[in-house]
Amino acid sequence: MGIQLIGDKFPELEVQTTQGAMKLPDAFGGRWFVLFSHPADFTPVCTTEFVGFQKRMDKFQSMNCGLIGLSIDQIFSHIKWVQWIKENLDIEITFPIIADHGNVARRMGMIHPNRASNTVRAVFIMDEKSVIRAMIYYPQELGRSIDEVVRAVAALQISDSQKVSMPEGWPKNELFGDDVIVPPPRDVKGAMDKLAKMGPDCYDWWFCHRKLDKKI
């Protein structure tokens, strides 16, 4: 069985986590959720990432999006690591962490090809229908930007609700700030109509932008 791809339905999995046994994706009850893997507990880069995810928990919750972590470590290691973060960094990790034996990681393509059983820094974003909408991979040496994960969830939700696309660096694009991109016409007549009515918010018939109707 091949690994999951963007547009695939998230597979039904039974997992053991720091918050007990869970069935995915049912555990998130029709919400968006982010599954992310880390190479190992008690490692410096992973610790900074967990702090980053937890500090942005309110942002994820405001988007009706849950979080769940994963690595190929025993549940006891996860529990002790979470305790260490609380005691030493004063950050309480409130999202569950999967103690994987490799089944989930292999299914989702998370195993690092040159690091035995370690998982890469993978991020999977699922929508309310449990469809995989985005996949992001980082090597062990590079910590993730959690703000980019927040941005990706927000952008996908806005794209769904307003039928638009997001430019590079949105909402701080170098050409037009927090505007979004309007889908271009699909036929010659539509293109000619757009050319005839172009305003300052268009560079050409295929390249137009506008303000959001409502921001998330």
N, C-alpha and C. Protein backbone atom coordinates (compact mmCIF):
# COMPACT_ATOMS: atom_id res chain seq x y z
N MET A 1 0.84 -1.19 0.00
CA MET A 1 0.00 0.00 0.00
C MET A 1 0.88 1.24 0.00
N GLY A 2 0.64 2.17 -0.92
CA GLY A 2 1.43 3.39 -1.01
C GLY A 2 1.10 4.35 0.11
N ILE A 3 1.98 5.35 0.25
CA ILE A 3 1.74 6.35 1.29
C ILE A 3 0.60 7.26 0.88
N GLN A 4 0.04 7.96 1.85
CA GLN A 4 -1.07 8.85 1.59
C GLN A 4 -0.60 10.09 0.83
N LEU A 5 -1.50 10.65 0.02
CA LEU A 5 -1.20 11.83 -0.78
C LEU A 5 -2.24 12.91 -0.53
N ILE A 6 -1.92 14.13 -0.95
CA ILE A 6 -2.90 15.21 -0.85
C ILE A 6 -4.15 14.82 -1.62
N GLY A 7 -5.30 15.02 -0.99
CA GLY A 7 -6.58 14.65 -1.59
C GLY A 7 -7.08 13.29 -1.15
N ASP A 8 -6.21 12.49 -0.53
CA ASP A 8 -6.64 11.19 -0.01
C ASP A 8 -7.40 11.37 1.30
N LYS A 9 -8.25 10.42 1.58
CA LYS A 9 -8.92 10.37 2.87
C LYS A 9 -7.92 9.86 3.91
N PHE A 10 -7.90 10.49 5.07
CA PHE A 10 -7.01 10.01 6.13
C PHE A 10 -7.43 8.60 6.53
N PRO A 11 -6.49 7.66 6.64
CA PRO A 11 -6.86 6.27 6.93
C PRO A 11 -7.40 6.09 8.34
N GLU A 12 -8.24 5.11 8.51
CA GLU A 12 -8.76 4.79 9.84
C GLU A 12 -7.67 4.04 10.62
N LEU A 13 -7.28 4.59 11.74
CA LEU A 13 -6.19 4.04 12.53
C LEU A 13 -6.56 4.01 14.01
N GLU A 14 -6.13 2.97 14.68
CA GLU A 14 -6.25 2.91 16.14
C GLU A 14 -4.88 3.15 16.73
N VAL A 15 -4.79 4.15 17.61
CA VAL A 15 -3.48 4.57 18.14
C VAL A 15 -3.55 4.69 19.66
N GLN A 16 -2.37 4.53 20.27
CA GLN A 16 -2.23 4.74 21.71
C GLN A 16 -1.55 6.08 21.91
N THR A 17 -2.14 6.92 22.74
CA THR A 17 -1.60 8.26 22.94
C THR A 17 -1.45 8.57 24.43
N THR A 18 -0.84 9.71 24.71
CA THR A 18 -0.70 10.17 26.09
C THR A 18 -2.05 10.49 26.72
N GLN A 19 -3.10 10.54 25.94
CA GLN A 19 -4.44 10.77 26.46
C GLN A 19 -5.35 9.56 26.26
N GLY A 20 -4.71 8.38 26.13
CA GLY A 20 -5.46 7.14 26.00
C GLY A 20 -5.58 6.67 24.56
N ALA A 21 -6.27 5.55 24.37
CA ALA A 21 -6.47 4.99 23.04
C ALA A 21 -7.41 5.89 22.24
N MET A 22 -7.10 6.04 20.95
CA MET A 22 -7.92 6.87 20.07
C MET A 22 -8.12 6.17 18.74
N LYS A 23 -9.23 6.48 18.10
CA LYS A 23 -9.49 6.06 16.74
C LYS A 23 -9.44 7.30 15.86
N LEU A 24 -8.52 7.27 14.91
CA LEU A 24 -8.40 8.40 13.98
C LEU A 24 -9.06 8.03 12.65
N PRO A 25 -9.71 8.98 12.00
CA PRO A 25 -9.85 10.39 12.39
C PRO A 25 -11.06 10.70 13.28
N ASP A 26 -11.79 9.65 13.71
CA ASP A 26 -13.03 9.86 14.46
C ASP A 26 -12.83 10.69 15.72
N ALA A 27 -11.64 10.59 16.33
CA ALA A 27 -11.40 11.28 17.59
C ALA A 27 -11.56 12.79 17.47
N PHE A 28 -11.47 13.32 16.25
CA PHE A 28 -11.58 14.77 16.08
C PHE A 28 -12.98 15.21 15.67
N GLY A 29 -13.89 14.27 15.57
CA GLY A 29 -15.30 14.59 15.44
C GLY A 29 -15.67 15.58 14.35
N GLY A 30 -15.13 15.42 13.18
CA GLY A 30 -15.50 16.30 12.08
C GLY A 30 -14.80 17.65 12.09
N ARG A 31 -13.77 17.80 12.93
CA ARG A 31 -12.99 19.04 12.93
C ARG A 31 -11.77 18.90 12.03
N TRP A 32 -11.16 20.02 11.69
CA TRP A 32 -9.84 20.00 11.09
C TRP A 32 -8.86 19.49 12.14
N PHE A 33 -7.78 18.86 11.69
CA PHE A 33 -6.73 18.50 12.64
C PHE A 33 -5.38 18.39 11.95
N VAL A 34 -4.33 18.58 12.74
CA VAL A 34 -2.96 18.51 12.26
C VAL A 34 -2.26 17.36 12.96
N LEU A 35 -1.73 16.43 12.18
CA LEU A 35 -0.88 15.35 12.69
C LEU A 35 0.55 15.69 12.33
N PHE A 36 1.42 15.71 13.33
CA PHE A 36 2.82 16.02 13.06
C PHE A 36 3.72 15.03 13.78
N SER A 37 4.80 14.65 13.11
CA SER A 37 5.74 13.70 13.70
C SER A 37 7.03 14.42 14.07
N HIS A 38 7.71 13.88 15.07
CA HIS A 38 9.02 14.41 15.47
C HIS A 38 9.98 13.23 15.60
N PRO A 39 11.30 13.45 15.39
CA PRO A 39 12.25 12.34 15.40
C PRO A 39 12.31 11.56 16.71
N ALA A 40 12.31 12.27 17.84
CA ALA A 40 12.46 11.56 19.12
C ALA A 40 12.16 12.49 20.29
N ASP A 41 11.71 11.89 21.38
CA ASP A 41 11.53 12.64 22.63
C ASP A 41 12.90 13.05 23.19
N PHE A 42 12.87 14.01 24.08
CA PHE A 42 14.08 14.46 24.78
C PHE A 42 15.18 14.88 23.80
N THR A 43 14.79 15.58 22.74
CA THR A 43 15.76 16.15 21.81
C THR A 43 15.49 17.65 21.72
N PRO A 44 16.54 18.46 21.56
CA PRO A 44 16.38 19.92 21.65
C PRO A 44 15.43 20.53 20.62
N VAL A 45 15.61 20.19 19.34
CA VAL A 45 14.77 20.81 18.31
C VAL A 45 13.31 20.43 18.50
N CYS A 46 13.06 19.16 18.77
CA CYS A 46 11.68 18.70 18.98
C CYS A 46 11.04 19.40 20.16
N THR A 47 11.81 19.64 21.21
CA THR A 47 11.28 20.32 22.39
C THR A 47 10.83 21.73 22.03
N THR A 48 11.65 22.44 21.23
CA THR A 48 11.25 23.79 20.84
C THR A 48 9.99 23.77 19.98
N GLU A 49 9.84 22.74 19.16
CA GLU A 49 8.65 22.65 18.31
C GLU A 49 7.40 22.39 19.15
N PHE A 50 7.51 21.52 20.13
CA PHE A 50 6.35 21.24 20.98
C PHE A 50 5.92 22.48 21.75
N VAL A 51 6.89 23.23 22.23
CA VAL A 51 6.57 24.50 22.90
C VAL A 51 5.85 25.43 21.92
N GLY A 52 6.35 25.48 20.67
CA GLY A 52 5.73 26.34 19.66
C GLY A 52 4.31 25.94 19.34
N PHE A 53 4.06 24.64 19.19
CA PHE A 53 2.70 24.17 18.93
C PHE A 53 1.78 24.52 20.10
N GLN A 54 2.25 24.26 21.32
CA GLN A 54 1.40 24.51 22.48
C GLN A 54 1.08 25.99 22.64
N LYS A 55 2.06 26.86 22.40
CA LYS A 55 1.83 28.30 22.56
C LYS A 55 0.84 28.85 21.53
N ARG A 56 0.63 28.11 20.45
CA ARG A 56 -0.32 28.53 19.43
C ARG A 56 -1.60 27.71 19.47
N MET A 57 -1.80 27.00 20.56
CA MET A 57 -2.99 26.16 20.69
C MET A 57 -4.27 26.99 20.55
N ASP A 58 -4.30 28.18 21.13
CA ASP A 58 -5.50 29.02 21.03
C ASP A 58 -5.81 29.36 19.57
N LYS A 59 -4.78 29.59 18.77
CA LYS A 59 -5.00 29.91 17.37
C LYS A 59 -5.60 28.72 16.63
N PHE A 60 -5.06 27.53 16.91
CA PHE A 60 -5.61 26.34 16.27
C PHE A 60 -7.06 26.12 16.72
N GLN A 61 -7.32 26.29 17.99
CA GLN A 61 -8.68 26.08 18.49
C GLN A 61 -9.66 27.07 17.89
N SER A 62 -9.20 28.32 17.67
CA SER A 62 -10.08 29.33 17.08
C SER A 62 -10.47 28.97 15.65
N MET A 63 -9.66 28.13 15.01
CA MET A 63 -9.96 27.65 13.66
C MET A 63 -10.64 26.28 13.68
N ASN A 64 -11.05 25.84 14.87
CA ASN A 64 -11.69 24.53 15.04
C ASN A 64 -10.78 23.41 14.53
N CYS A 65 -9.51 23.51 14.92
CA CYS A 65 -8.49 22.58 14.45
C CYS A 65 -7.76 21.95 15.63
N GLY A 66 -7.71 20.63 15.67
CA GLY A 66 -7.01 19.93 16.73
C GLY A 66 -5.58 19.61 16.34
N LEU A 67 -4.78 19.19 17.34
CA LEU A 67 -3.38 18.81 17.13
C LEU A 67 -3.14 17.42 17.70
N ILE A 68 -2.26 16.67 17.05
CA ILE A 68 -1.82 15.39 17.60
C ILE A 68 -0.41 15.11 17.10
N GLY A 69 0.50 14.82 18.03
CA GLY A 69 1.89 14.54 17.69
C GLY A 69 2.15 13.05 17.57
N LEU A 70 3.36 12.70 17.11
CA LEU A 70 3.72 11.29 16.93
C LEU A 70 5.23 11.12 16.86
N SER A 71 5.72 10.08 17.49
CA SER A 71 7.08 9.60 17.24
C SER A 71 7.13 8.12 17.61
N ILE A 72 8.21 7.46 17.19
CA ILE A 72 8.37 6.05 17.52
C ILE A 72 9.10 5.96 18.86
N ASP A 73 8.39 6.33 19.89
CA ASP A 73 8.86 6.23 21.28
C ASP A 73 7.77 5.56 22.10
N GLN A 74 8.15 4.97 23.22
CA GLN A 74 7.16 4.35 24.09
C GLN A 74 6.32 5.42 24.79
N ILE A 75 5.14 5.04 25.18
CA ILE A 75 4.23 5.98 25.85
C ILE A 75 4.86 6.54 27.12
N PHE A 76 5.67 5.72 27.81
CA PHE A 76 6.31 6.18 29.05
C PHE A 76 7.29 7.32 28.76
N SER A 77 7.97 7.24 27.63
CA SER A 77 8.89 8.30 27.24
C SER A 77 8.12 9.59 26.95
N HIS A 78 7.01 9.47 26.21
CA HIS A 78 6.19 10.65 25.94
C HIS A 78 5.74 11.32 27.24
N ILE A 79 5.24 10.50 28.16
CA ILE A 79 4.72 11.04 29.44
C ILE A 79 5.82 11.76 30.21
N LYS A 80 6.98 11.14 30.29
CA LYS A 80 8.09 11.73 31.04
C LYS A 80 8.57 13.02 30.37
N TRP A 81 8.61 13.02 29.05
CA TRP A 81 9.05 14.22 28.32
C TRP A 81 8.09 15.38 28.53
N VAL A 82 6.79 15.09 28.47
CA VAL A 82 5.78 16.12 28.72
C VAL A 82 5.94 16.68 30.13
N GLN A 83 6.20 15.78 31.09
CA GLN A 83 6.42 16.23 32.47
C GLN A 83 7.66 17.13 32.55
N TRP A 84 8.72 16.74 31.85
CA TRP A 84 9.96 17.53 31.86
C TRP A 84 9.71 18.93 31.31
N ILE A 85 8.97 19.03 30.22
CA ILE A 85 8.66 20.33 29.62
C ILE A 85 7.89 21.20 30.60
N LYS A 86 6.94 20.60 31.30
CA LYS A 86 6.16 21.34 32.29
C LYS A 86 7.04 21.81 33.44
N GLU A 87 7.87 20.94 33.95
CA GLU A 87 8.68 21.27 35.12
C GLU A 87 9.81 22.24 34.81
N ASN A 88 10.38 22.15 33.63
CA ASN A 88 11.56 22.94 33.32
C ASN A 88 11.29 24.16 32.46
N LEU A 89 10.24 24.12 31.64
CA LEU A 89 9.94 25.23 30.74
C LEU A 89 8.61 25.90 31.06
N ASP A 90 7.89 25.34 32.04
CA ASP A 90 6.61 25.88 32.48
C ASP A 90 5.59 25.94 31.34
N ILE A 91 5.62 24.93 30.47
CA ILE A 91 4.65 24.81 29.38
C ILE A 91 3.96 23.46 29.51
N GLU A 92 2.65 23.47 29.64
CA GLU A 92 1.90 22.22 29.74
C GLU A 92 1.40 21.80 28.37
N ILE A 93 1.86 20.66 27.90
CA ILE A 93 1.44 20.13 26.60
C ILE A 93 0.05 19.50 26.75
N THR A 94 -0.93 20.07 26.06
CA THR A 94 -2.31 19.62 26.24
C THR A 94 -2.83 18.78 25.08
N PHE A 95 -2.07 18.67 24.00
CA PHE A 95 -2.51 17.85 22.88
C PHE A 95 -1.95 16.43 23.04
N PRO A 96 -2.62 15.42 22.48
CA PRO A 96 -2.14 14.04 22.61
C PRO A 96 -0.92 13.76 21.74
N ILE A 97 -0.12 12.77 22.16
CA ILE A 97 1.05 12.34 21.41
C ILE A 97 0.94 10.84 21.18
N ILE A 98 1.03 10.41 19.94
CA ILE A 98 0.92 8.99 19.61
C ILE A 98 2.24 8.29 19.90
N ALA A 99 2.15 7.16 20.60
CA ALA A 99 3.30 6.27 20.77
C ALA A 99 3.20 5.22 19.67
N ASP A 100 3.97 5.44 18.61
CA ASP A 100 3.86 4.60 17.42
C ASP A 100 4.91 3.49 17.45
N HIS A 101 4.55 2.32 16.93
CA HIS A 101 5.51 1.23 16.78
C HIS A 101 6.05 1.18 15.35
N GLY A 102 5.70 2.17 14.55
CA GLY A 102 6.14 2.23 13.17
C GLY A 102 5.03 2.03 12.17
N ASN A 103 3.88 1.51 12.62
CA ASN A 103 2.79 1.24 11.69
C ASN A 103 2.23 2.52 11.09
N VAL A 104 1.95 3.50 11.95
CA VAL A 104 1.39 4.77 11.46
C VAL A 104 2.44 5.51 10.64
N ALA A 105 3.67 5.55 11.14
CA ALA A 105 4.73 6.29 10.45
C ALA A 105 4.99 5.73 9.06
N ARG A 106 5.00 4.42 8.93
CA ARG A 106 5.22 3.82 7.61
C ARG A 106 4.03 4.09 6.69
N ARG A 107 2.84 4.00 7.25
CA ARG A 107 1.62 4.24 6.45
C ARG A 107 1.58 5.67 5.91
N MET A 108 2.08 6.61 6.71
CA MET A 108 2.01 8.03 6.34
C MET A 108 3.31 8.55 5.72
N GLY A 109 4.28 7.66 5.50
CA GLY A 109 5.51 8.08 4.86
C GLY A 109 6.38 8.96 5.73
N MET A 110 6.42 8.68 7.03
CA MET A 110 7.15 9.52 7.98
C MET A 110 8.54 8.99 8.33
N ILE A 111 8.89 7.79 7.92
CA ILE A 111 10.17 7.22 8.33
C ILE A 111 11.32 7.90 7.59
N HIS A 112 12.31 8.34 8.35
CA HIS A 112 13.48 8.98 7.74
C HIS A 112 14.28 7.92 6.99
N PRO A 113 14.61 8.12 5.71
CA PRO A 113 15.25 7.06 4.92
C PRO A 113 16.65 6.69 5.39
N ASN A 114 17.34 7.58 6.09
CA ASN A 114 18.72 7.30 6.50
C ASN A 114 18.93 7.27 8.00
N ARG A 115 17.83 7.20 8.77
CA ARG A 115 17.96 7.29 10.22
C ARG A 115 17.20 6.17 10.93
N ALA A 116 17.38 4.96 10.46
CA ALA A 116 16.78 3.77 11.09
C ALA A 116 15.27 3.95 11.22
N SER A 117 14.77 3.95 12.47
CA SER A 117 13.32 4.03 12.68
C SER A 117 12.85 5.43 13.05
N ASN A 118 13.74 6.42 13.01
CA ASN A 118 13.33 7.78 13.36
C ASN A 118 12.35 8.33 12.32
N THR A 119 11.44 9.17 12.80
CA THR A 119 10.51 9.83 11.90
C THR A 119 11.05 11.21 11.51
N VAL A 120 10.74 11.61 10.28
CA VAL A 120 11.08 12.96 9.83
C VAL A 120 10.12 13.95 10.50
N ARG A 121 10.35 15.23 10.29
CA ARG A 121 9.43 16.26 10.80
C ARG A 121 8.34 16.47 9.75
N ALA A 122 7.33 15.62 9.80
CA ALA A 122 6.24 15.69 8.83
C ALA A 122 5.02 16.38 9.44
N VAL A 123 4.28 17.07 8.60
CA VAL A 123 3.04 17.73 9.01
C VAL A 123 1.95 17.36 8.01
N PHE A 124 0.83 16.86 8.52
CA PHE A 124 -0.34 16.57 7.68
C PHE A 124 -1.50 17.42 8.19
N ILE A 125 -2.13 18.15 7.28
CA ILE A 125 -3.30 18.97 7.63
C ILE A 125 -4.53 18.33 7.02
N MET A 126 -5.51 18.00 7.86
CA MET A 126 -6.75 17.38 7.43
C MET A 126 -7.92 18.33 7.63
N ASP A 127 -8.87 18.33 6.69
CA ASP A 127 -10.04 19.18 6.82
C ASP A 127 -11.15 18.48 7.60
N GLU A 128 -12.31 19.11 7.66
CA GLU A 128 -13.40 18.58 8.48
C GLU A 128 -13.96 17.27 7.94
N LYS A 129 -13.62 16.93 6.70
CA LYS A 129 -14.04 15.65 6.11
C LYS A 129 -12.91 14.62 6.18
N SER A 130 -11.86 14.94 6.92
CA SER A 130 -10.69 14.06 7.10
C SER A 130 -9.93 13.81 5.81
N VAL A 131 -10.01 14.76 4.89
CA VAL A 131 -9.24 14.71 3.65
C VAL A 131 -7.91 15.41 3.88
N ILE A 132 -6.82 14.80 3.42
CA ILE A 132 -5.50 15.41 3.56
C ILE A 132 -5.39 16.59 2.60
N ARG A 133 -5.20 17.79 3.16
CA ARG A 133 -5.17 19.00 2.35
C ARG A 133 -3.77 19.53 2.12
N ALA A 134 -2.84 19.21 3.01
CA ALA A 134 -1.47 19.68 2.86
C ALA A 134 -0.53 18.71 3.56
N MET A 135 0.69 18.60 3.01
CA MET A 135 1.75 17.77 3.60
C MET A 135 3.04 18.57 3.54
N ILE A 136 3.73 18.66 4.66
CA ILE A 136 4.98 19.41 4.74
C ILE A 136 6.03 18.52 5.40
N TYR A 137 7.21 18.41 4.81
CA TYR A 137 8.28 17.58 5.36
C TYR A 137 9.53 18.42 5.60
N TYR A 138 10.16 18.18 6.75
CA TYR A 138 11.43 18.81 7.09
C TYR A 138 12.41 17.71 7.52
N PRO A 139 13.70 17.94 7.30
CA PRO A 139 14.70 17.00 7.80
C PRO A 139 14.87 17.16 9.31
N GLN A 140 15.58 16.23 9.92
CA GLN A 140 15.78 16.29 11.37
C GLN A 140 16.50 17.56 11.80
N GLU A 141 17.38 18.06 10.95
CA GLU A 141 18.22 19.19 11.34
C GLU A 141 17.49 20.53 11.36
N LEU A 142 16.31 20.59 10.75
CA LEU A 142 15.61 21.86 10.58
C LEU A 142 14.29 21.88 11.34
N GLY A 143 14.20 22.74 12.34
CA GLY A 143 12.95 22.88 13.08
C GLY A 143 11.90 23.60 12.24
N ARG A 144 10.65 23.22 12.46
CA ARG A 144 9.55 23.80 11.70
C ARG A 144 9.19 25.19 12.19
N SER A 145 8.57 25.97 11.32
CA SER A 145 7.90 27.20 11.71
C SER A 145 6.45 26.86 12.01
N ILE A 146 6.06 26.93 13.27
CA ILE A 146 4.68 26.60 13.63
C ILE A 146 3.73 27.65 13.09
N ASP A 147 4.20 28.89 12.98
CA ASP A 147 3.37 29.93 12.38
C ASP A 147 3.00 29.58 10.94
N GLU A 148 3.88 28.88 10.23
CA GLU A 148 3.55 28.46 8.86
C GLU A 148 2.44 27.43 8.85
N VAL A 149 2.41 26.56 9.86
CA VAL A 149 1.32 25.58 9.95
C VAL A 149 0.00 26.29 10.23
N VAL A 150 0.03 27.27 11.15
CA VAL A 150 -1.16 28.08 11.43
C VAL A 150 -1.63 28.78 10.15
N ARG A 151 -0.68 29.39 9.44
CA ARG A 151 -1.00 30.10 8.20
C ARG A 151 -1.63 29.18 7.17
N ALA A 152 -1.10 27.96 7.05
CA ALA A 152 -1.62 27.02 6.07
C ALA A 152 -3.05 26.61 6.38
N VAL A 153 -3.35 26.35 7.66
CA VAL A 153 -4.72 25.99 8.04
C VAL A 153 -5.67 27.15 7.75
N ALA A 154 -5.29 28.35 8.16
CA ALA A 154 -6.14 29.52 7.93
C ALA A 154 -6.37 29.75 6.44
N ALA A 155 -5.29 29.62 5.64
CA ALA A 155 -5.40 29.86 4.20
C ALA A 155 -6.32 28.83 3.54
N LEU A 156 -6.19 27.57 3.92
CA LEU A 156 -7.04 26.54 3.33
C LEU A 156 -8.51 26.75 3.69
N GLN A 157 -8.77 27.15 4.92
CA GLN A 157 -10.15 27.39 5.34
C GLN A 157 -10.76 28.57 4.59
N ILE A 158 -9.98 29.64 4.41
CA ILE A 158 -10.47 30.79 3.66
C ILE A 158 -10.67 30.43 2.20
N SER A 159 -9.74 29.67 1.64
CA SER A 159 -9.87 29.24 0.25
C SER A 159 -11.16 28.46 0.04
N ASP A 160 -11.48 27.57 0.99
CA ASP A 160 -12.72 26.79 0.88
C ASP A 160 -13.95 27.67 0.96
N SER A 161 -13.96 28.61 1.90
CA SER A 161 -15.16 29.40 2.16
C SER A 161 -15.38 30.51 1.13
N GLN A 162 -14.28 31.04 0.55
CA GLN A 162 -14.42 32.18 -0.36
C GLN A 162 -13.98 31.87 -1.79
N LYS A 163 -13.56 30.63 -2.03
CA LYS A 163 -13.20 30.20 -3.39
C LYS A 163 -12.11 31.10 -4.00
N VAL A 164 -11.06 31.30 -3.22
CA VAL A 164 -9.92 32.11 -3.66
C VAL A 164 -8.63 31.35 -3.40
N SER A 165 -7.52 31.92 -3.86
CA SER A 165 -6.20 31.37 -3.59
C SER A 165 -5.36 32.40 -2.85
N MET A 166 -4.31 31.92 -2.19
CA MET A 166 -3.46 32.81 -1.42
C MET A 166 -2.12 33.00 -2.12
N PRO A 167 -1.62 34.24 -2.19
CA PRO A 167 -0.33 34.49 -2.81
C PRO A 167 0.83 34.11 -1.90
N GLU A 168 2.02 34.20 -2.43
CA GLU A 168 3.23 33.96 -1.65
C GLU A 168 3.22 34.85 -0.40
N GLY A 169 3.57 34.23 0.73
CA GLY A 169 3.72 35.00 1.96
C GLY A 169 2.45 35.54 2.56
N TRP A 170 1.29 35.17 1.99
CA TRP A 170 0.02 35.68 2.53
C TRP A 170 -0.03 35.45 4.04
N PRO A 171 -0.49 36.42 4.82
CA PRO A 171 -1.14 37.69 4.47
C PRO A 171 -0.20 38.88 4.37
N LYS A 172 1.06 38.66 4.06
CA LYS A 172 2.01 39.76 3.92
C LYS A 172 2.74 39.64 2.58
N ASN A 173 1.93 39.57 1.52
CA ASN A 173 2.51 39.45 0.19
C ASN A 173 3.17 40.76 -0.23
N GLU A 174 4.28 40.68 -0.96
CA GLU A 174 5.04 41.86 -1.34
C GLU A 174 4.36 42.70 -2.42
N LEU A 175 3.40 42.12 -3.15
CA LEU A 175 2.71 42.88 -4.19
C LEU A 175 1.44 43.56 -3.68
N PHE A 176 0.61 42.79 -2.92
CA PHE A 176 -0.67 43.39 -2.53
C PHE A 176 -1.12 42.98 -1.12
N GLY A 177 -0.15 42.84 -0.22
CA GLY A 177 -0.47 42.69 1.20
C GLY A 177 -1.30 41.48 1.52
N ASP A 178 -2.46 41.72 2.17
CA ASP A 178 -3.30 40.60 2.61
C ASP A 178 -4.45 40.32 1.65
N ASP A 179 -4.42 40.89 0.44
CA ASP A 179 -5.42 40.54 -0.56
C ASP A 179 -5.26 39.08 -0.97
N VAL A 180 -6.32 38.54 -1.54
CA VAL A 180 -6.30 37.16 -2.02
C VAL A 180 -6.46 37.16 -3.54
N ILE A 181 -6.12 36.04 -4.16
CA ILE A 181 -6.13 35.94 -5.62
C ILE A 181 -7.47 35.40 -6.11
N VAL A 182 -8.03 36.08 -7.09
CA VAL A 182 -9.30 35.68 -7.69
C VAL A 182 -9.04 34.62 -8.76
N PRO A 183 -9.79 33.52 -8.75
CA PRO A 183 -9.58 32.50 -9.79
C PRO A 183 -9.75 33.11 -11.18
N PRO A 184 -8.86 32.82 -12.13
CA PRO A 184 -8.96 33.39 -13.48
C PRO A 184 -10.10 32.77 -14.27
N PRO A 185 -10.57 33.44 -15.32
CA PRO A 185 -11.62 32.88 -16.18
C PRO A 185 -11.19 31.55 -16.78
N ARG A 186 -12.19 30.74 -17.13
CA ARG A 186 -11.92 29.40 -17.65
C ARG A 186 -12.09 29.30 -19.16
N ASP A 187 -12.52 30.38 -19.81
CA ASP A 187 -12.71 30.32 -21.26
C ASP A 187 -12.38 31.67 -21.88
N VAL A 188 -12.37 31.71 -23.21
CA VAL A 188 -11.98 32.92 -23.93
C VAL A 188 -12.94 34.06 -23.65
N LYS A 189 -14.24 33.78 -23.63
CA LYS A 189 -15.22 34.83 -23.38
C LYS A 189 -15.01 35.46 -22.00
N GLY A 190 -14.77 34.60 -21.00
CA GLY A 190 -14.52 35.12 -19.67
C GLY A 190 -13.27 35.99 -19.61
N ALA A 191 -12.23 35.57 -20.34
CA ALA A 191 -10.99 36.34 -20.37
C ALA A 191 -11.21 37.69 -21.03
N MET A 192 -11.97 37.73 -22.14
CA MET A 192 -12.24 38.99 -22.83
C MET A 192 -13.11 39.90 -21.97
N ASP A 193 -14.08 39.34 -21.28
CA ASP A 193 -14.92 40.13 -20.37
C ASP A 193 -14.08 40.74 -19.26
N LYS A 194 -13.16 39.96 -18.72
CA LYS A 194 -12.28 40.46 -17.66
C LYS A 194 -11.40 41.59 -18.17
N LEU A 195 -10.87 41.45 -19.40
CA LEU A 195 -10.03 42.48 -19.99
C LEU A 195 -10.79 43.80 -20.16
N ALA A 196 -12.05 43.67 -20.53
CA ALA A 196 -12.85 44.87 -20.78
C ALA A 196 -13.21 45.60 -19.49
N LYS A 197 -13.19 44.88 -18.37
CA LYS A 197 -13.63 45.47 -17.11
C LYS A 197 -12.51 45.59 -16.08
N MET A 198 -11.27 45.42 -16.52
CA MET A 198 -10.16 45.39 -15.58
C MET A 198 -10.01 46.72 -14.84
N GLY A 199 -9.76 46.62 -13.52
CA GLY A 199 -9.50 47.79 -12.71
C GLY A 199 -8.12 47.73 -12.10
N PRO A 200 -7.89 48.57 -11.10
CA PRO A 200 -6.56 48.61 -10.47
C PRO A 200 -6.20 47.35 -9.69
N ASP A 201 -7.18 46.48 -9.47
CA ASP A 201 -6.91 45.25 -8.73
C ASP A 201 -6.56 44.09 -9.66
N CYS A 202 -6.25 44.39 -10.92
CA CYS A 202 -5.85 43.35 -11.88
C CYS A 202 -4.56 43.77 -12.59
N TYR A 203 -3.65 42.83 -12.73
CA TYR A 203 -2.46 43.03 -13.56
C TYR A 203 -2.73 42.58 -14.99
N ASP A 204 -3.61 41.60 -15.13
CA ASP A 204 -4.02 41.09 -16.43
C ASP A 204 -5.30 40.28 -16.18
N TRP A 205 -5.92 39.76 -17.25
CA TRP A 205 -7.18 39.03 -17.06
C TRP A 205 -7.02 37.80 -16.20
N TRP A 206 -5.81 37.25 -16.15
CA TRP A 206 -5.57 36.02 -15.39
C TRP A 206 -4.96 36.28 -14.02
N PHE A 207 -4.73 37.55 -13.67
CA PHE A 207 -3.97 37.88 -12.47
C PHE A 207 -4.66 39.04 -11.73
N CYS A 208 -5.71 38.69 -10.98
CA CYS A 208 -6.48 39.69 -10.23
C CYS A 208 -6.50 39.34 -8.75
N HIS A 209 -6.68 40.36 -7.92
CA HIS A 209 -6.73 40.15 -6.47
C HIS A 209 -7.84 41.00 -5.87
N ARG A 210 -8.22 40.67 -4.64
CA ARG A 210 -9.25 41.42 -3.94
C ARG A 210 -9.11 41.28 -2.45
N LYS A 211 -9.85 42.11 -1.72
CA LYS A 211 -9.89 42.01 -0.28
C LYS A 211 -10.73 40.81 0.14
N LEU A 212 -10.47 40.31 1.31
CA LEU A 212 -11.31 39.23 1.84
C LEU A 212 -12.67 39.76 2.23
N ASP A 213 -13.70 38.91 2.03
CA ASP A 213 -15.03 39.26 2.51
C ASP A 213 -15.08 39.27 4.03
N LYS A 214 -14.40 38.28 4.60
CA LYS A 214 -14.39 38.12 6.05
C LYS A 214 -13.12 37.38 6.43
N LYS A 215 -12.39 37.90 7.39
CA LYS A 215 -11.15 37.27 7.81
C LYS A 215 -11.41 36.29 8.93
N ILE A 216 -10.66 35.17 8.92
CA ILE A 216 -10.74 34.19 10.01
C ILE A 216 -9.82 34.62 11.12
